[in-house]
Amino acid sequence: MPDISVAALQEHIIFDNVRMGQFVDVEIQDHLRDRFKSHLIGAKENHYLILEQPDSKRYGFIRDQLVEGVPLVLRTICEKTTGECLAFRAVLQGLTNHPYKLFYVSFPDEIQMRELRREQRKAYRKPAQIYMTKESSRIVGVITDISAGGCRFEFEVGESVRGIKQEYVFIELEHPETGEIHEAYAKVCSQRKEHNIVSIGLAFEPMLEIAS
């Protein structure tokens, strides 16, 4: 069997579990430990990752701390798997301000992944619909995985739609054990868009009564 380098394993984790454009939490490793939200823009294997500089209106006080050589911790959610938190240390390598405000960080040597969910989700593909109130229009889609604590809901949208703005929704679904139609209240924990499909991670409040 051929040897697999540590670097190759890290590349596999990054490119198999992280998509371009997703949110990244960046923590500056100094005495203040300030944090800001960014987006992953691109990467070159074994060289660097590219992210957006923090918004000046929201994070103006942080912009001056982003200087070459400052150590960082980056965290993001691996939504392509079961929702682990992926975290790694990096060093800021440089910034560009034209034509876009970006910054570059070193490619990670070591990555930590931690499961965030208390229950392992099961593959489950059934029609479902979400809505904000009884009187509001409903968004029809499918559930792609489910557990007692939550599910992933996907639906098709047009080019101009990025996702939903609500923090909480109702979801009407078929109970995975009884087959009965069930209504649940859920918090929107994450969402992403790929092509014309929006994928939303929902946490049930309270949890469903199903076997683990």
Protein backbone atom coordinates (compact mmCIF):
# COMPACT_ATOMS: atom_id res chain seq x y z
CA MET A 1 0.00 0.00 0.00
CA PRO A 2 1.49 3.42 -0.92
CA ASP A 3 2.28 5.86 1.87
CA ILE A 4 -0.20 8.69 2.39
CA SER A 5 1.36 11.89 3.68
CA VAL A 6 -0.15 13.93 6.51
CA ALA A 7 -0.48 16.85 4.08
CA ALA A 8 -2.51 14.71 1.69
CA LEU A 9 -4.87 13.75 4.50
CA GLN A 10 -5.39 17.41 5.41
CA GLU A 11 -6.11 18.27 1.77
CA HIS A 12 -8.71 15.53 1.72
CA ILE A 13 -10.42 16.96 4.82
CA ILE A 14 -10.40 20.52 3.49
CA PHE A 15 -11.59 19.87 -0.05
CA ASP A 16 -14.01 17.05 0.77
CA ASN A 17 -15.75 18.81 3.65
CA VAL A 18 -15.49 22.54 3.01
CA ARG A 19 -17.09 24.37 0.12
CA MET A 20 -16.00 27.68 -1.33
CA GLY A 21 -18.18 30.56 -0.14
CA GLN A 22 -19.13 29.13 3.24
CA PHE A 23 -18.91 31.01 6.53
CA VAL A 24 -15.67 30.81 8.52
CA ASP A 25 -15.21 32.05 12.09
CA VAL A 26 -11.78 33.70 12.47
CA GLU A 27 -10.19 34.28 15.88
CA ILE A 28 -7.10 36.49 16.20
CA GLN A 29 -4.63 34.90 18.59
CA ASP A 30 -3.54 37.91 20.64
CA HIS A 31 -4.43 39.15 24.12
CA LEU A 32 -7.82 40.47 22.89
CA ARG A 33 -8.89 37.26 21.09
CA ASP A 34 -11.24 39.21 18.79
CA ARG A 35 -13.34 37.17 16.35
CA PHE A 36 -15.12 37.92 13.12
CA LYS A 37 -17.11 36.14 10.42
CA SER A 38 -15.70 35.73 6.93
CA HIS A 39 -16.23 33.68 3.77
CA LEU A 40 -13.83 31.17 2.24
CA ILE A 41 -13.05 32.33 -1.31
CA GLY A 42 -10.45 29.87 -2.55
CA ALA A 43 -7.39 27.77 -1.82
CA LYS A 44 -4.13 26.46 -3.27
CA GLU A 45 -3.14 23.06 -1.95
CA ASN A 46 -0.29 23.15 0.57
CA HIS A 47 0.11 26.90 0.08
CA TYR A 48 -2.74 29.12 1.26
CA LEU A 49 -6.44 29.74 1.79
CA ILE A 50 -8.14 32.96 0.64
CA LEU A 51 -10.85 34.68 2.69
CA GLU A 52 -12.76 37.96 2.63
CA GLN A 53 -11.53 40.74 4.88
CA PRO A 54 -14.04 41.56 7.65
CA ASP A 55 -16.74 44.08 6.84
CA SER A 56 -15.50 47.56 7.85
CA LYS A 57 -18.92 48.69 9.15
CA ARG A 58 -19.27 45.74 11.50
CA TYR A 59 -15.63 44.90 12.26
CA GLY A 60 -13.81 48.19 11.70
CA PHE A 61 -12.02 47.88 15.04
CA ILE A 62 -10.56 44.53 13.95
CA ARG A 63 -9.23 45.47 10.53
CA ASP A 64 -6.06 47.08 11.99
CA GLN A 65 -5.19 43.82 13.77
CA LEU A 66 -4.94 41.91 10.49
CA VAL A 67 -1.23 42.24 9.74
CA GLU A 68 1.20 39.83 8.15
CA GLY A 69 2.39 37.14 10.55
CA VAL A 70 -0.48 37.35 13.05
CA PRO A 71 -1.59 33.88 14.25
CA LEU A 72 -5.24 32.88 13.72
CA VAL A 73 -7.64 30.07 14.55
CA LEU A 74 -10.24 29.31 11.86
CA ARG A 75 -13.42 27.33 12.51
CA THR A 76 -16.18 26.21 10.16
CA ILE A 77 -18.93 23.61 9.90
CA CYS A 78 -18.53 20.53 7.70
CA GLU A 79 -22.05 20.43 6.32
CA LYS A 80 -21.12 17.85 3.69
CA THR A 81 -20.72 15.26 6.46
CA THR A 82 -22.67 15.10 9.71
CA GLY A 83 -22.08 18.62 10.96
CA GLU A 84 -18.66 18.46 12.63
CA CYS A 85 -16.77 21.60 13.55
CA LEU A 86 -13.50 21.82 11.64
CA ALA A 87 -10.80 23.98 13.27
CA PHE A 88 -7.14 24.73 12.56
CA ARG A 89 -4.38 27.21 13.28
CA ALA A 90 -2.96 29.40 10.54
CA VAL A 91 -0.80 32.48 10.00
CA LEU A 92 -1.92 35.52 8.05
CA GLN A 93 0.32 35.75 4.99
CA GLY A 94 -0.91 38.96 3.38
CA LEU A 95 -3.82 41.13 2.28
CA THR A 96 -5.09 42.59 -0.98
CA ASN A 97 -7.42 45.58 -1.32
CA HIS A 98 -7.94 45.71 -5.10
CA PRO A 99 -10.06 44.69 -6.85
CA TYR A 100 -11.43 42.91 -3.75
CA LYS A 101 -10.57 43.07 -0.06
CA LEU A 102 -9.14 39.62 0.68
CA PHE A 103 -6.59 38.06 2.99
CA TYR A 104 -4.42 34.95 2.71
CA VAL A 105 -3.62 32.44 5.44
CA SER A 106 -1.24 29.49 5.55
CA PHE A 107 -2.56 26.09 4.55
CA PRO A 108 -3.22 24.06 7.74
CA ASP A 109 -0.69 21.48 8.94
CA GLU A 110 -3.09 19.95 11.44
CA ILE A 111 -6.90 19.94 11.54
CA GLN A 112 -9.23 19.10 14.41
CA MET A 113 -12.77 17.87 13.82
CA ARG A 114 -15.36 17.73 16.59
CA GLU A 115 -18.91 16.36 16.38
CA LEU A 116 -21.42 19.05 17.37
CA ARG A 117 -24.60 17.00 17.37
CA ARG A 118 -25.65 14.93 20.32
CA GLU A 119 -27.36 12.41 18.04
CA GLN A 120 -26.04 10.86 14.86
CA ARG A 121 -28.32 11.73 11.96
CA LYS A 122 -29.64 8.97 9.73
CA ALA A 123 -30.02 9.13 5.97
CA TYR A 124 -33.70 9.78 5.34
CA ARG A 125 -35.24 11.18 2.16
CA LYS A 126 -38.89 12.18 2.45
CA PRO A 127 -41.00 15.15 1.27
CA ALA A 128 -41.57 17.92 3.83
CA GLN A 129 -42.50 21.58 3.97
CA ILE A 130 -41.58 24.55 6.13
CA TYR A 131 -43.50 27.72 6.94
CA MET A 132 -43.29 30.68 9.33
CA THR A 133 -46.94 30.91 10.44
CA LYS A 134 -50.12 28.94 9.77
CA GLU A 135 -51.21 31.64 7.32
CA SER A 136 -47.90 32.03 5.46
CA SER A 137 -47.03 30.30 2.22
CA ARG A 138 -45.16 27.02 2.49
CA ILE A 139 -41.82 26.00 1.04
CA VAL A 140 -41.93 22.45 -0.29
CA GLY A 141 -38.77 20.35 -0.26
CA VAL A 142 -37.23 17.14 1.06
CA ILE A 143 -35.53 15.99 4.25
CA THR A 144 -32.16 14.37 3.53
CA ASP A 145 -31.17 13.30 7.06
CA ILE A 146 -32.84 13.26 10.48
CA SER A 147 -32.30 12.57 14.18
CA ALA A 148 -34.22 13.29 17.36
CA GLY A 149 -32.42 16.64 17.54
CA GLY A 150 -32.85 17.94 14.02
CA CYS A 151 -32.78 17.42 10.27
CA ARG A 152 -31.51 18.80 6.99
CA PHE A 153 -34.13 20.28 4.67
CA GLU A 154 -33.45 21.05 1.00
CA PHE A 155 -35.53 22.97 -1.52
CA GLU A 156 -35.17 24.43 -5.00
CA VAL A 157 -34.99 28.20 -5.59
CA GLY A 158 -34.33 30.71 -8.35
CA GLU A 159 -31.02 32.43 -9.01
CA SER A 160 -31.89 35.56 -6.99
CA VAL A 161 -32.87 33.69 -3.80
CA ARG A 162 -30.05 33.08 -1.31
CA GLY A 163 -32.01 31.36 1.47
CA ILE A 164 -34.48 32.22 4.21
CA LYS A 165 -34.14 35.08 6.70
CA GLN A 166 -36.15 33.61 9.57
CA GLU A 167 -34.41 32.27 12.67
CA TYR A 168 -37.25 29.86 13.53
CA VAL A 169 -39.68 27.93 11.30
CA PHE A 170 -42.30 25.23 11.51
CA ILE A 171 -41.67 22.03 9.58
CA GLU A 172 -44.29 19.49 8.58
CA LEU A 173 -42.81 16.06 8.00
CA GLU A 174 -43.51 12.35 8.05
CA HIS A 175 -42.38 10.86 11.37
CA PRO A 176 -39.49 8.46 10.56
CA GLU A 177 -40.89 5.70 12.81
CA THR A 178 -44.67 6.03 12.85
CA GLY A 179 -45.14 7.42 9.34
CA GLU A 180 -47.66 9.93 10.71
CA ILE A 181 -47.58 13.58 9.62
CA HIS A 182 -45.86 15.55 12.37
CA GLU A 183 -45.39 19.29 12.89
CA ALA A 184 -42.25 20.52 14.65
CA TYR A 185 -40.88 23.90 15.68
CA ALA A 186 -37.25 24.30 14.64
CA LYS A 187 -34.35 26.73 14.79
CA VAL A 188 -32.43 27.47 11.58
CA CYS A 189 -28.84 26.62 12.54
CA SER A 190 -27.16 26.78 9.13
CA GLN A 191 -27.91 27.17 5.46
CA ARG A 192 -26.01 27.06 2.20
CA LYS A 193 -26.82 27.34 -1.48
CA GLU A 194 -25.29 25.25 -4.25
CA HIS A 195 -26.55 26.06 -7.74
CA ASN A 196 -30.35 26.30 -7.29
CA ILE A 197 -30.64 24.16 -4.12
CA VAL A 198 -30.80 25.69 -0.64
CA SER A 199 -29.89 23.31 2.18
CA ILE A 200 -30.94 24.22 5.75
CA GLY A 201 -29.84 22.62 9.00
CA LEU A 202 -32.70 22.62 11.53
CA ALA A 203 -32.69 21.89 15.27
CA PHE A 204 -36.03 20.67 16.67
CA GLU A 205 -37.41 22.43 19.77
CA PRO A 206 -38.28 20.20 21.55
CA MET A 207 -36.56 17.11 20.13
CA LEU A 208 -38.56 14.43 18.32
CA GLU A 209 -39.37 11.26 20.20
CA ILE A 210 -37.55 8.70 18.08
CA ALA A 211 -35.12 5.89 18.82
CA SER A 212 -31.47 6.78 18.54
